[in-house]
Amino acid sequence: MTDEFELVGLEDSGNSVKVRSALRYKKIPFRWTNRSLKNNAFFKKNAQVPLLPLILLPDRSTMQDSTPILEYLEAQYQEPSIHPDEPASRFVSILL
């Protein structure tokens, strides 16, 4: 087991970059793996569906889709929040 997350994504995937940005903003240790033909077997072994991004949690379980991943990160690492404090802005942030 490791204490580091592994994020599998693509540079041109907005959802992958969004999760990577949240990990960086929250200063959560992670390793970025660019999805490629070289690691296709690894991706297929760990992915439930062929969606990006894929994140391997420190316990090596996996999550996919940026919204559930961001919700998980926000619940586990509340500070700094990825959402603004002001209620209306926070609502819009969560909605989008």
Protein backbone atom coordinates (compact mmCIF):
# COMPACT_ATOMS: atom_id res chain seq x y z
CA MET A 1 0.00 0.00 0.00
CA THR A 2 1.14 3.53 -0.74
CA ASP A 3 0.05 6.90 0.61
CA GLU A 4 0.01 8.38 -2.87
CA PHE A 5 -2.78 8.66 -5.42
CA GLU A 6 -2.21 7.79 -9.06
CA LEU A 7 -4.17 9.74 -11.63
CA VAL A 8 -4.44 8.25 -15.11
CA GLY A 9 -5.56 10.75 -17.71
CA LEU A 10 -4.78 12.66 -20.85
CA GLU A 11 -3.37 16.16 -21.21
CA ASP A 12 -6.17 17.09 -23.60
CA SER A 13 -8.94 15.73 -21.36
CA GLY A 14 -10.56 18.62 -19.52
CA ASN A 15 -11.83 16.26 -16.84
CA SER A 16 -8.39 14.74 -16.26
CA VAL A 17 -6.81 18.19 -15.99
CA LYS A 18 -9.60 19.35 -13.63
CA VAL A 19 -8.88 16.49 -11.20
CA ARG A 20 -5.12 17.03 -11.49
CA SER A 21 -5.63 20.73 -10.70
CA ALA A 22 -7.68 19.88 -7.60
CA LEU A 23 -4.99 17.47 -6.37
CA ARG A 24 -2.33 20.15 -6.87
CA TYR A 25 -4.45 22.88 -5.24
CA LYS A 26 -5.09 20.69 -2.19
CA LYS A 27 -1.41 19.65 -2.13
CA ILE A 28 -2.34 15.97 -2.16
CA PRO A 29 0.60 13.78 -3.21
CA PHE A 30 -0.11 12.00 -6.49
CA ARG A 31 1.54 10.56 -9.54
CA TRP A 32 0.28 11.52 -13.01
CA THR A 33 0.19 8.74 -15.59
CA ASN A 34 -0.58 9.73 -19.14
CA ARG A 35 -2.85 7.09 -20.67
CA SER A 36 -1.21 5.45 -23.65
CA LEU A 37 -1.00 2.18 -25.53
CA LYS A 38 1.95 1.25 -23.29
CA ASN A 39 -0.24 1.19 -20.18
CA ASN A 40 -3.50 0.01 -21.78
CA ALA A 41 -3.41 -3.34 -19.93
CA PHE A 42 -2.92 -1.50 -16.61
CA PHE A 43 -5.83 0.83 -17.43
CA LYS A 44 -8.17 -2.01 -18.43
CA LYS A 45 -7.27 -3.95 -15.28
CA ASN A 46 -8.14 -1.00 -13.02
CA ALA A 47 -10.93 0.77 -14.93
CA GLN A 48 -14.57 -0.14 -14.46
CA VAL A 49 -15.52 1.68 -17.66
CA PRO A 50 -13.38 3.20 -20.43
CA LEU A 51 -13.69 6.73 -19.02
CA LEU A 52 -11.01 9.18 -18.05
CA PRO A 53 -9.89 10.15 -15.55
CA LEU A 54 -9.13 7.08 -13.49
CA ILE A 55 -7.74 7.57 -10.00
CA LEU A 56 -6.16 4.86 -7.90
CA LEU A 57 -6.62 5.68 -4.24
CA PRO A 58 -3.87 4.97 -1.71
CA ASP A 59 -5.57 1.65 -0.83
CA ARG A 60 -5.41 0.86 -4.61
CA SER A 61 -9.18 0.95 -5.06
CA THR A 62 -10.29 3.02 -8.03
CA MET A 63 -12.72 5.76 -8.94
CA GLN A 64 -13.67 7.21 -12.29
CA ASP A 65 -15.45 10.32 -13.54
CA SER A 66 -14.31 13.71 -12.36
CA THR A 67 -17.40 14.66 -10.31
CA PRO A 68 -17.32 11.67 -7.92
CA ILE A 69 -13.54 11.98 -7.66
CA LEU A 70 -13.76 15.68 -6.75
CA GLU A 71 -16.53 14.97 -4.22
CA TYR A 72 -14.38 12.29 -2.62
CA LEU A 73 -11.32 14.55 -2.47
CA GLU A 74 -13.37 17.39 -1.00
CA ALA A 75 -14.81 15.09 1.70
CA GLN A 76 -11.42 13.59 2.60
CA TYR A 77 -9.34 16.77 2.29
CA GLN A 78 -11.63 19.63 3.26
CA GLU A 79 -8.98 22.36 3.39
CA PRO A 80 -8.45 24.19 1.22
CA SER A 81 -11.90 23.82 -0.24
CA ILE A 82 -12.29 23.78 -3.98
CA HIS A 83 -15.56 25.68 -3.55
CA PRO A 84 -15.96 29.37 -2.59
CA ASP A 85 -17.31 30.29 0.86
CA GLU A 86 -20.07 32.63 -0.36
CA PRO A 87 -23.28 30.52 -0.49
CA ALA A 88 -24.53 31.43 -3.97
CA SER A 89 -21.07 31.02 -5.51
CA ARG A 90 -20.60 27.75 -3.63
CA PHE A 91 -23.91 26.45 -5.02
CA VAL A 92 -22.90 27.32 -8.58
CA SER A 93 -19.46 25.74 -8.05
CA ILE A 94 -20.99 22.49 -6.82
CA LEU A 95 -23.60 22.55 -9.57
CA LEU A 96 -21.04 22.97 -12.33
